């Protein structure tokens, strides 16, 4: 019987290992190249879609397919925006809205996160305040404006408080959900390693709730823009909401569209800002989203 040569099998391993490593590296390069192509495609689509819609709008206005007395052409809106930018009125209205939104949003976000963390970590507090907050959250925030006007008069306080109330409930709900979504095994491990009090909050509760908190920020930004615009339409003589409403009453559609565009840009810019802050504050989420 011829003995089997067992030395041949290990000898082939060194030749296969470089091939496997080369294939893995090539696959990784292909995946990175594919990801770059997809990002480029997404960027092109994101820019081309609104440009195409604006071009179609301009063509329709010039061809008489739409009534330019109601639907001002994009070039007319741009010209009106340039005029308002030169005389300072656009900056005045934009800064008024941005100031109210920033102050009210910061106050509402801080209060909402703090209360949400307390309710998320205290079952008794959550049971006491949860149903009441759920009922108040369903109440339209603009409907509270008359009460605020009765109390504070036609001042900045009702406008800012409307944003505070809107942002507060969104942040409170999302923060409570974030605390409750933390894996129970993670909490048990923290207890096993002696994490108590402030250490437990800093290293377990807060990082675990942060994704929900930032999701709440993005929702709260949009809601805050909607609320402050509506409030300015009803109870203000400055701001983008006032600009839109006043332009409608005076039948100045180009000015009205300038206000609408600025509101859209304000909301989109703040949403992008919070998305950037989220990537900075929660770096461990990037790989999960990419996968």
C-alpha atoms as a PDB file:
ATOM      1  CA  UNK A   1       0.000   0.000   0.000  1.00  0.00           C
ATOM      2  CA  UNK A   2       1.387   3.371  -1.045  1.00  0.00           C
ATOM      3  CA  UNK A   3       1.518   5.779   1.871  1.00  0.00           C
ATOM      4  CA  UNK A   4      -0.497   8.949   1.501  1.00  0.00           C
ATOM      5  CA  UNK A   5       1.530  12.099   1.183  1.00  0.00           C
ATOM      6  CA  UNK A   6       0.070  14.479   3.760  1.00  0.00           C
ATOM      7  CA  UNK A   7       2.680  17.173   3.152  1.00  0.00           C
ATOM      8  CA  UNK A   8       1.066  18.321  -0.108  1.00  0.00           C
ATOM      9  CA  UNK A   9      -2.017  19.858   1.535  1.00  0.00           C
ATOM     10  CA  UNK A  10      -0.227  22.366   3.783  1.00  0.00           C
ATOM     11  CA  UNK A  11       2.060  23.292   0.910  1.00  0.00           C
ATOM     12  CA  UNK A  12      -0.907  24.709  -1.056  1.00  0.00           C
ATOM     13  CA  UNK A  13      -2.040  26.960   1.800  1.00  0.00           C
ATOM     14  CA  UNK A  14       0.586  29.682   1.298  1.00  0.00           C
ATOM     15  CA  UNK A  15      -0.342  29.972  -2.403  1.00  0.00           C
ATOM     16  CA  UNK A  16      -4.072  30.253  -1.613  1.00  0.00           C
ATOM     17  CA  UNK A  17      -3.735  32.847   1.161  1.00  0.00           C
ATOM     18  CA  UNK A  18      -2.347  35.667  -1.044  1.00  0.00           C
ATOM     19  CA  UNK A  19      -5.047  34.945  -3.632  1.00  0.00           C
ATOM     20  CA  UNK A  20      -7.759  35.175  -0.998  1.00  0.00           C
ATOM     21  CA  UNK A  21      -6.305  38.409   0.374  1.00  0.00           C
ATOM     22  CA  UNK A  22      -6.093  39.863  -3.132  1.00  0.00           C
ATOM     23  CA  UNK A  23      -9.702  38.942  -3.848  1.00  0.00           C
ATOM     24  CA  UNK A  24     -10.822  40.478  -0.555  1.00  0.00           C
ATOM     25  CA  UNK A  25      -8.931  43.673  -1.267  1.00  0.00           C
ATOM     26  CA  UNK A  26     -10.352  43.849  -4.781  1.00  0.00           C
ATOM     27  CA  UNK A  27     -13.872  43.342  -3.458  1.00  0.00           C
ATOM     28  CA  UNK A  28     -13.342  46.107  -0.908  1.00  0.00           C
ATOM     29  CA  UNK A  29     -12.085  48.453  -3.640  1.00  0.00           C
ATOM     30  CA  UNK A  30     -15.100  47.631  -5.797  1.00  0.00           C
ATOM     31  CA  UNK A  31     -17.447  48.299  -2.871  1.00  0.00           C
ATOM     32  CA  UNK A  32     -15.816  51.656  -2.137  1.00  0.00           C
ATOM     33  CA  UNK A  33     -15.995  52.612  -5.801  1.00  0.00           C
ATOM     34  CA  UNK A  34     -19.648  51.578  -5.912  1.00  0.00           C
ATOM     35  CA  UNK A  35     -20.382  53.658  -2.809  1.00  0.00           C
ATOM     36  CA  UNK A  36     -18.688  56.696  -4.393  1.00  0.00           C
ATOM     37  CA  UNK A  37     -20.750  56.251  -7.551  1.00  0.00           C
ATOM     38  CA  UNK A  38     -23.948  56.006  -5.529  1.00  0.00           C
ATOM     39  CA  UNK A  39     -23.090  59.142  -3.547  1.00  0.00           C
ATOM     40  CA  UNK A  40     -22.366  61.028  -6.756  1.00  0.00           C
ATOM     41  CA  UNK A  41     -25.638  59.821  -8.260  1.00  0.00           C
ATOM     42  CA  UNK A  42     -27.567  60.836  -5.137  1.00  0.00           C
ATOM     43  CA  UNK A  43     -25.992  64.298  -5.180  1.00  0.00           C
ATOM     44  CA  UNK A  44     -26.794  64.761  -8.863  1.00  0.00           C
ATOM     45  CA  UNK A  45     -30.405  63.677  -8.315  1.00  0.00           C
ATOM     46  CA  UNK A  46     -30.765  65.913  -5.272  1.00  0.00           C
ATOM     47  CA  UNK A  47     -29.607  68.947  -7.264  1.00  0.00           C
ATOM     48  CA  UNK A  48     -31.141  68.091 -10.635  1.00  0.00           C
ATOM     49  CA  UNK A  49     -34.687  67.454  -9.378  1.00  0.00           C
ATOM     50  CA  UNK A  50     -35.414  70.955  -7.991  1.00  0.00           C
ATOM     51  CA  UNK A  51     -33.530  72.562 -10.896  1.00  0.00           C
ATOM     52  CA  UNK A  52     -35.685  70.643 -13.379  1.00  0.00           C
ATOM     53  CA  UNK A  53     -38.869  71.607 -11.526  1.00  0.00           C
ATOM     54  CA  UNK A  54     -37.850  75.280 -11.490  1.00  0.00           C
ATOM     55  CA  UNK A  55     -37.021  75.136 -15.206  1.00  0.00           C
ATOM     56  CA  UNK A  56     -40.403  73.575 -15.935  1.00  0.00           C
ATOM     57  CA  UNK A  57     -42.087  76.262 -13.831  1.00  0.00           C
ATOM     58  CA  UNK A  58     -40.224  79.008 -15.737  1.00  0.00           C
ATOM     59  CA  UNK A  59     -41.132  77.526 -19.109  1.00  0.00           C
ATOM     60  CA  UNK A  60     -44.784  77.181 -18.083  1.00  0.00           C
ATOM     61  CA  UNK A  61     -44.901  80.803 -16.924  1.00  0.00           C
ATOM     62  CA  UNK A  62     -43.277  82.151 -20.087  1.00  0.00           C
ATOM     63  CA  UNK A  63     -45.455  79.993 -22.350  1.00  0.00           C
ATOM     64  CA  UNK A  64     -48.630  81.132 -20.611  1.00  0.00           C
ATOM     65  CA  UNK A  65     -49.558  77.677 -19.352  1.00  0.00           C
ATOM     66  CA  UNK A  66     -50.037  79.061 -15.848  1.00  0.00           C
ATOM     67  CA  UNK A  67     -51.350  82.392 -14.593  1.00  0.00           C
ATOM     68  CA  UNK A  68     -48.314  84.468 -13.609  1.00  0.00           C
ATOM     69  CA  UNK A  69     -50.566  86.700 -11.512  1.00  0.00           C
ATOM     70  CA  UNK A  70     -50.821  83.776  -9.112  1.00  0.00           C
ATOM     71  CA  UNK A  71     -47.750  81.678  -9.965  1.00  0.00           C
ATOM     72  CA  UNK A  72     -44.899  84.157 -10.384  1.00  0.00           C
ATOM     73  CA  UNK A  73     -42.042  82.802 -12.475  1.00  0.00           C
ATOM     74  CA  UNK A  74     -38.850  81.742 -10.675  1.00  0.00           C
ATOM     75  CA  UNK A  75     -36.944  84.598 -12.333  1.00  0.00           C
ATOM     76  CA  UNK A  76     -39.518  87.101 -11.043  1.00  0.00           C
ATOM     77  CA  UNK A  77     -39.248  85.604  -7.548  1.00  0.00           C
ATOM     78  CA  UNK A  78     -35.442  85.782  -7.726  1.00  0.00           C
ATOM     79  CA  UNK A  79     -35.602  89.412  -8.828  1.00  0.00           C
ATOM     80  CA  UNK A  80     -37.967  90.218  -5.962  1.00  0.00           C
ATOM     81  CA  UNK A  81     -35.657  88.442  -3.517  1.00  0.00           C
ATOM     82  CA  UNK A  82     -32.713  90.485  -4.787  1.00  0.00           C
ATOM     83  CA  UNK A  83     -34.680  93.704  -4.312  1.00  0.00           C
ATOM     84  CA  UNK A  84     -35.685  92.728  -0.779  1.00  0.00           C
ATOM     85  CA  UNK A  85     -32.130  91.707   0.034  1.00  0.00           C
ATOM     86  CA  UNK A  86     -30.786  95.045  -1.131  1.00  0.00           C
ATOM     87  CA  UNK A  87     -33.258  97.104   0.913  1.00  0.00           C
ATOM     88  CA  UNK A  88     -32.749  94.924   4.019  1.00  0.00           C
ATOM     89  CA  UNK A  89     -36.355  93.793   4.422  1.00  0.00           C
ATOM     90  CA  UNK A  90     -35.560  90.152   3.667  1.00  0.00           C
ATOM     91  CA  UNK A  91     -32.858  90.031   6.339  1.00  0.00           C
ATOM     92  CA  UNK A  92     -35.181  91.735   8.834  1.00  0.00           C
ATOM     93  CA  UNK A  93     -37.960  89.177   8.412  1.00  0.00           C
ATOM     94  CA  UNK A  94     -35.590  86.196   8.248  1.00  0.00           C
ATOM     95  CA  UNK A  95     -33.648  87.175  11.371  1.00  0.00           C
ATOM     96  CA  UNK A  96     -36.882  87.809  13.271  1.00  0.00           C
ATOM     97  CA  UNK A  97     -38.125  84.294  12.515  1.00  0.00           C
ATOM     98  CA  UNK A  98     -34.729  82.718  13.131  1.00  0.00           C
ATOM     99  CA  UNK A  99     -34.348  84.503  16.470  1.00  0.00           C
ATOM    100  CA  UNK A 100     -37.737  83.358  17.758  1.00  0.00           C
ATOM    101  CA  UNK A 101     -37.142  79.839  16.500  1.00  0.00           C
ATOM    102  CA  UNK A 102     -33.670  79.642  18.049  1.00  0.00           C
ATOM    103  CA  UNK A 103     -34.652  80.954  21.476  1.00  0.00           C
ATOM    104  CA  UNK A 104     -37.855  78.958  21.695  1.00  0.00           C
ATOM    105  CA  UNK A 105     -36.246  75.851  20.236  1.00  0.00           C
ATOM    106  CA  UNK A 106     -33.322  75.867  22.657  1.00  0.00           C
ATOM    107  CA  UNK A 107     -35.540  76.372  25.700  1.00  0.00           C
ATOM    108  CA  UNK A 108     -38.026  73.727  24.575  1.00  0.00           C
ATOM    109  CA  UNK A 109     -35.295  71.235  23.662  1.00  0.00           C
ATOM    110  CA  UNK A 110     -33.439  71.565  26.970  1.00  0.00           C
ATOM    111  CA  UNK A 111     -36.631  71.254  29.019  1.00  0.00           C
ATOM    112  CA  UNK A 112     -37.895  68.376  26.887  1.00  0.00           C
ATOM    113  CA  UNK A 113     -34.663  66.371  27.138  1.00  0.00           C
ATOM    114  CA  UNK A 114     -34.341  66.922  30.907  1.00  0.00           C
ATOM    115  CA  UNK A 115     -37.964  66.002  31.615  1.00  0.00           C
ATOM    116  CA  UNK A 116     -37.755  63.067  29.206  1.00  0.00           C
ATOM    117  CA  UNK A 117     -34.671  61.678  30.934  1.00  0.00           C
ATOM    118  CA  UNK A 118     -36.339  62.009  34.335  1.00  0.00           C
ATOM    119  CA  UNK A 119     -39.522  60.340  33.121  1.00  0.00           C
ATOM    120  CA  UNK A 120     -37.563  57.629  31.324  1.00  0.00           C
ATOM    121  CA  UNK A 121     -35.629  56.694  34.448  1.00  0.00           C
ATOM    122  CA  UNK A 122     -38.502  57.093  36.934  1.00  0.00           C
ATOM    123  CA  UNK A 123     -41.487  54.821  36.498  1.00  0.00           C
ATOM    124  CA  UNK A 124     -43.537  56.781  39.031  1.00  0.00           C
ATOM    125  CA  UNK A 125     -42.883  60.117  37.322  1.00  0.00           C
ATOM    126  CA  UNK A 126     -43.689  58.627  33.928  1.00  0.00           C
ATOM    127  CA  UNK A 127     -46.965  57.249  35.269  1.00  0.00           C
ATOM    128  CA  UNK A 128     -47.857  60.613  36.811  1.00  0.00           C
ATOM    129  CA  UNK A 129     -47.020  62.875  33.842  1.00  0.00           C
ATOM    130  CA  UNK A 130     -47.270  60.567  30.825  1.00  0.00           C
ATOM    131  CA  UNK A 131     -51.060  60.641  30.269  1.00  0.00           C
ATOM    132  CA  UNK A 132     -51.255  64.407  30.840  1.00  0.00           C
ATOM    133  CA  UNK A 133     -48.433  65.124  28.400  1.00  0.00           C
ATOM    134  CA  UNK A 134     -49.980  62.778  25.832  1.00  0.00           C
ATOM    135  CA  UNK A 135     -53.250  64.721  26.004  1.00  0.00           C
ATOM    136  CA  UNK A 136     -51.514  68.112  25.784  1.00  0.00           C
ATOM    137  CA  UNK A 137     -49.334  66.970  22.881  1.00  0.00           C
ATOM    138  CA  UNK A 138     -52.430  66.264  20.789  1.00  0.00           C
ATOM    139  CA  UNK A 139     -53.648  69.842  21.274  1.00  0.00           C
ATOM    140  CA  UNK A 140     -52.827  72.062  18.249  1.00  0.00           C
ATOM    141  CA  UNK A 141     -50.154  74.477  19.402  1.00  0.00           C
ATOM    142  CA  UNK A 142     -51.573  77.370  17.392  1.00  0.00           C
ATOM    143  CA  UNK A 143     -54.816  76.916  19.343  1.00  0.00           C
ATOM    144  CA  UNK A 144     -52.914  77.869  22.515  1.00  0.00           C
ATOM    145  CA  UNK A 145     -51.884  81.207  21.004  1.00  0.00           C
ATOM    146  CA  UNK A 146     -55.071  83.095  22.050  1.00  0.00           C
ATOM    147  CA  UNK A 147     -54.501  82.080  25.676  1.00  0.00           C
ATOM    148  CA  UNK A 148     -50.890  83.239  25.499  1.00  0.00           C
ATOM    149  CA  UNK A 149     -51.991  86.526  23.933  1.00  0.00           C
ATOM    150  CA  UNK A 150     -54.522  87.042  26.738  1.00  0.00           C
ATOM    151  CA  UNK A 151     -51.783  86.530  29.329  1.00  0.00           C
ATOM    152  CA  UNK A 152     -48.775  88.253  27.752  1.00  0.00           C
ATOM    153  CA  UNK A 153     -50.313  90.567  25.171  1.00  0.00           C
ATOM    154  CA  UNK A 154     -49.036  91.180  21.646  1.00  0.00           C
ATOM    155  CA  UNK A 155     -45.356  90.809  22.568  1.00  0.00           C
ATOM    156  CA  UNK A 156     -42.534  88.440  21.664  1.00  0.00           C
ATOM    157  CA  UNK A 157     -43.320  86.159  24.611  1.00  0.00           C
ATOM    158  CA  UNK A 158     -46.370  84.387  23.086  1.00  0.00           C
ATOM    159  CA  UNK A 159     -44.501  83.794  19.830  1.00  0.00           C
ATOM    160  CA  UNK A 160     -41.488  82.280  21.560  1.00  0.00           C
ATOM    161  CA  UNK A 161     -43.612  80.262  24.000  1.00  0.00           C
ATOM    162  CA  UNK A 162     -45.505  78.716  21.085  1.00  0.00           C
ATOM    163  CA  UNK A 163     -42.220  77.320  19.791  1.00  0.00           C
ATOM    164  CA  UNK A 164     -41.141  76.266  23.294  1.00  0.00           C
ATOM    165  CA  UNK A 165     -44.325  74.245  23.820  1.00  0.00           C
ATOM    166  CA  UNK A 166     -44.137  72.618  20.381  1.00  0.00           C
ATOM    167  CA  UNK A 167     -40.491  71.591  20.708  1.00  0.00           C
ATOM    168  CA  UNK A 168     -40.841  70.521  24.356  1.00  0.00           C
ATOM    169  CA  UNK A 169     -43.382  67.781  23.757  1.00  0.00           C
ATOM    170  CA  UNK A 170     -41.536  66.318  20.762  1.00  0.00           C
ATOM    171  CA  UNK A 171     -38.233  66.194  22.640  1.00  0.00           C
ATOM    172  CA  UNK A 172     -39.864  64.807  25.785  1.00  0.00           C
ATOM    173  CA  UNK A 173     -41.596  61.987  23.909  1.00  0.00           C
ATOM    174  CA  UNK A 174     -38.499  61.047  21.912  1.00  0.00           C
ATOM    175  CA  UNK A 175     -36.215  61.144  24.948  1.00  0.00           C
ATOM    176  CA  UNK A 176     -38.502  58.889  26.982  1.00  0.00           C
ATOM    177  CA  UNK A 177     -38.662  56.486  24.037  1.00  0.00           C
ATOM    178  CA  UNK A 178     -34.874  56.530  23.781  1.00  0.00           C
ATOM    179  CA  UNK A 179     -34.391  55.678  27.449  1.00  0.00           C
ATOM    180  CA  UNK A 180     -36.941  52.873  27.271  1.00  0.00           C
ATOM    181  CA  UNK A 181     -35.274  51.485  24.118  1.00  0.00           C
ATOM    182  CA  UNK A 182     -31.947  50.866  25.871  1.00  0.00           C
ATOM    183  CA  UNK A 183     -31.168  47.154  25.933  1.00  0.00           C
ATOM    184  CA  UNK A 184     -31.982  45.627  29.318  1.00  0.00           C
ATOM    185  CA  UNK A 185     -28.831  43.488  29.098  1.00  0.00           C
ATOM    186  CA  UNK A 186     -26.766  46.657  28.818  1.00  0.00           C
ATOM    187  CA  UNK A 187     -28.355  48.028  31.979  1.00  0.00           C
ATOM    188  CA  UNK A 188     -27.722  44.733  33.778  1.00  0.00           C
ATOM    189  CA  UNK A 189     -24.084  44.789  32.686  1.00  0.00           C
ATOM    190  CA  UNK A 190     -23.738  48.351  33.954  1.00  0.00           C
ATOM    191  CA  UNK A 191     -25.130  47.341  37.329  1.00  0.00           C
ATOM    192  CA  UNK A 192     -22.841  44.338  37.431  1.00  0.00           C
ATOM    193  CA  UNK A 193     -19.827  46.566  36.889  1.00  0.00           C
ATOM    194  CA  UNK A 194     -20.948  48.930  39.613  1.00  0.00           C
ATOM    195  CA  UNK A 195     -22.273  51.799  37.468  1.00  0.00           C
ATOM    196  CA  UNK A 196     -24.505  53.873  39.697  1.00  0.00           C
ATOM    197  CA  UNK A 197     -25.931  57.364  39.778  1.00  0.00           C
ATOM    198  CA  UNK A 198     -24.097  59.874  37.596  1.00  0.00           C
ATOM    199  CA  UNK A 199     -21.787  57.270  36.008  1.00  0.00           C
ATOM    200  CA  UNK A 200     -24.791  55.195  34.940  1.00  0.00           C
ATOM    201  CA  UNK A 201     -26.410  58.294  33.462  1.00  0.00           C
ATOM    202  CA  UNK A 202     -23.260  59.525  31.648  1.00  0.00           C
ATOM    203  CA  UNK A 203     -22.041  56.239  30.218  1.00  0.00           C
ATOM    204  CA  UNK A 204     -25.247  54.237  29.692  1.00  0.00           C
ATOM    205  CA  UNK A 205     -28.495  56.228  29.765  1.00  0.00           C
ATOM    206  CA  UNK A 206     -27.452  59.339  27.843  1.00  0.00           C
ATOM    207  CA  UNK A 207     -25.476  57.611  25.042  1.00  0.00           C
ATOM    208  CA  UNK A 208     -28.259  55.061  24.645  1.00  0.00           C
ATOM    209  CA  UNK A 209     -30.928  57.751  24.300  1.00  0.00           C
ATOM    210  CA  UNK A 210     -28.941  60.094  22.027  1.00  0.00           C
ATOM    211  CA  UNK A 211     -30.119  58.583  18.696  1.00  0.00           C
ATOM    212  CA  UNK A 212     -33.722  59.182  19.714  1.00  0.00           C
ATOM    213  CA  UNK A 213     -32.877  62.660  20.993  1.00  0.00           C
ATOM    214  CA  UNK A 214     -31.361  63.686  17.663  1.00  0.00           C
ATOM    215  CA  UNK A 215     -34.277  62.150  15.784  1.00  0.00           C
ATOM    216  CA  UNK A 216     -36.469  64.345  17.962  1.00  0.00           C
ATOM    217  CA  UNK A 217     -34.359  67.382  17.057  1.00  0.00           C
ATOM    218  CA  UNK A 218     -34.984  66.829  13.353  1.00  0.00           C
ATOM    219  CA  UNK A 219     -38.733  66.470  13.870  1.00  0.00           C
ATOM    220  CA  UNK A 220     -38.838  69.415  16.276  1.00  0.00           C
ATOM    221  CA  UNK A 221     -37.066  71.697  13.783  1.00  0.00           C
ATOM    222  CA  UNK A 222     -39.737  71.134  11.153  1.00  0.00           C
ATOM    223  CA  UNK A 223     -42.553  71.502  13.656  1.00  0.00           C
ATOM    224  CA  UNK A 224     -41.008  74.642  15.111  1.00  0.00           C
ATOM    225  CA  UNK A 225     -40.735  76.246  11.659  1.00  0.00           C
ATOM    226  CA  UNK A 226     -44.381  75.428  10.942  1.00  0.00           C
ATOM    227  CA  UNK A 227     -45.588  76.792  14.276  1.00  0.00           C
ATOM    228  CA  UNK A 228     -43.598  80.042  14.232  1.00  0.00           C
ATOM    229  CA  UNK A 229     -44.663  80.717  10.632  1.00  0.00           C
ATOM    230  CA  UNK A 230     -48.340  80.248  11.555  1.00  0.00           C
ATOM    231  CA  UNK A 231     -47.968  82.373  14.693  1.00  0.00           C
ATOM    232  CA  UNK A 232     -46.303  85.179  12.738  1.00  0.00           C
ATOM    233  CA  UNK A 233     -49.182  85.136  10.269  1.00  0.00           C
ATOM    234  CA  UNK A 234     -51.646  85.718  13.101  1.00  0.00           C
ATOM    235  CA  UNK A 235     -49.833  87.821  15.689  1.00  0.00           C
ATOM    236  CA  UNK A 236     -46.756  89.602  14.372  1.00  0.00           C
ATOM    237  CA  UNK A 237     -45.674  92.468  12.167  1.00  0.00           C
ATOM    238  CA  UNK A 238     -42.261  90.953  11.395  1.00  0.00           C
ATOM    239  CA  UNK A 239     -41.008  87.546  10.360  1.00  0.00           C
ATOM    240  CA  UNK A 240     -41.367  85.289   7.345  1.00  0.00           C
ATOM    241  CA  UNK A 241     -44.887  84.262   8.333  1.00  0.00           C
ATOM    242  CA  UNK A 242     -45.932  87.913   8.415  1.00  0.00           C
ATOM    243  CA  UNK A 243     -44.196  88.462   5.075  1.00  0.00           C
ATOM    244  CA  UNK A 244     -46.160  85.611   3.474  1.00  0.00           C
ATOM    245  CA  UNK A 245     -49.519  86.675   4.916  1.00  0.00           C
ATOM    246  CA  UNK A 246     -49.059  90.384   4.249  1.00  0.00           C
ATOM    247  CA  UNK A 247     -47.985  89.700   0.668  1.00  0.00           C
ATOM    248  CA  UNK A 248     -51.100  87.588   0.143  1.00  0.00           C
ATOM    249  CA  UNK A 249     -53.419  90.277   1.503  1.00  0.00           C
ATOM    250  CA  UNK A 250     -51.765  92.888  -0.763  1.00  0.00           C
ATOM    251  CA  UNK A 251     -51.803  90.458  -3.719  1.00  0.00           C
ATOM    252  CA  UNK A 252     -48.033  90.500  -4.184  1.00  0.00           C
ATOM    253  CA  UNK A 253     -47.338  86.887  -5.161  1.00  0.00           C
ATOM    254  CA  UNK A 254     -43.620  87.347  -5.886  1.00  0.00           C
ATOM    255  CA  UNK A 255     -43.020  88.594  -2.319  1.00  0.00           C
ATOM    256  CA  UNK A 256     -45.150  85.745  -0.993  1.00  0.00           C
ATOM    257  CA  UNK A 257     -43.061  83.163  -2.833  1.00  0.00           C
ATOM    258  CA  UNK A 258     -39.881  84.760  -1.511  1.00  0.00           C
ATOM    259  CA  UNK A 259     -41.203  84.177   2.020  1.00  0.00           C
ATOM    260  CA  UNK A 260     -42.150  80.589   1.210  1.00  0.00           C
ATOM    261  CA  UNK A 261     -38.719  79.862  -0.262  1.00  0.00           C
ATOM    262  CA  UNK A 262     -36.974  81.354   2.761  1.00  0.00           C
ATOM    263  CA  UNK A 263     -39.087  79.252   5.146  1.00  0.00           C
ATOM    264  CA  UNK A 264     -38.159  76.132   3.169  1.00  0.00           C
ATOM    265  CA  UNK A 265     -34.470  77.020   3.152  1.00  0.00           C
ATOM    266  CA  UNK A 266     -34.556  77.784   6.875  1.00  0.00           C
ATOM    267  CA  UNK A 267     -36.086  74.399   7.691  1.00  0.00           C
ATOM    268  CA  UNK A 268     -33.756  72.518   5.352  1.00  0.00           C
ATOM    269  CA  UNK A 269     -30.678  74.317   6.677  1.00  0.00           C
ATOM    270  CA  UNK A 270     -31.493  73.648  10.332  1.00  0.00           C
ATOM    271  CA  UNK A 271     -32.305  70.009   9.582  1.00  0.00           C
ATOM    272  CA  UNK A 272     -28.947  69.593   7.811  1.00  0.00           C
ATOM    273  CA  UNK A 273     -27.209  71.254  10.758  1.00  0.00           C
ATOM    274  CA  UNK A 274     -28.695  68.781  13.230  1.00  0.00           C
ATOM    275  CA  UNK A 275     -27.827  65.877  10.926  1.00  0.00           C
ATOM    276  CA  UNK A 276     -24.198  67.069  10.976  1.00  0.00           C
ATOM    277  CA  UNK A 277     -24.265  67.440  14.761  1.00  0.00           C
ATOM    278  CA  UNK A 278     -25.675  63.923  15.045  1.00  0.00           C
ATOM    279  CA  UNK A 279     -22.794  62.477  13.028  1.00  0.00           C
ATOM    280  CA  UNK A 280     -20.351  64.300  15.300  1.00  0.00           C
ATOM    281  CA  UNK A 281     -22.071  63.379  18.561  1.00  0.00           C
ATOM    282  CA  UNK A 282     -22.886  59.750  17.680  1.00  0.00           C
ATOM    283  CA  UNK A 283     -20.001  58.515  15.512  1.00  0.00           C
ATOM    284  CA  UNK A 284     -20.761  54.878  16.244  1.00  0.00           C
ATOM    285  CA  UNK A 285     -24.016  55.174  14.262  1.00  0.00           C
ATOM    286  CA  UNK A 286     -22.273  55.891  10.945  1.00  0.00           C
ATOM    287  CA  UNK A 287     -21.094  52.370  10.303  1.00  0.00           C
ATOM    288  CA  UNK A 288     -24.487  50.944  11.204  1.00  0.00           C
ATOM    289  CA  UNK A 289     -26.283  53.198   8.713  1.00  0.00           C
ATOM    290  CA  UNK A 290     -23.714  52.448   6.012  1.00  0.00           C
ATOM    291  CA  UNK A 291     -24.188  48.728   6.450  1.00  0.00           C
END
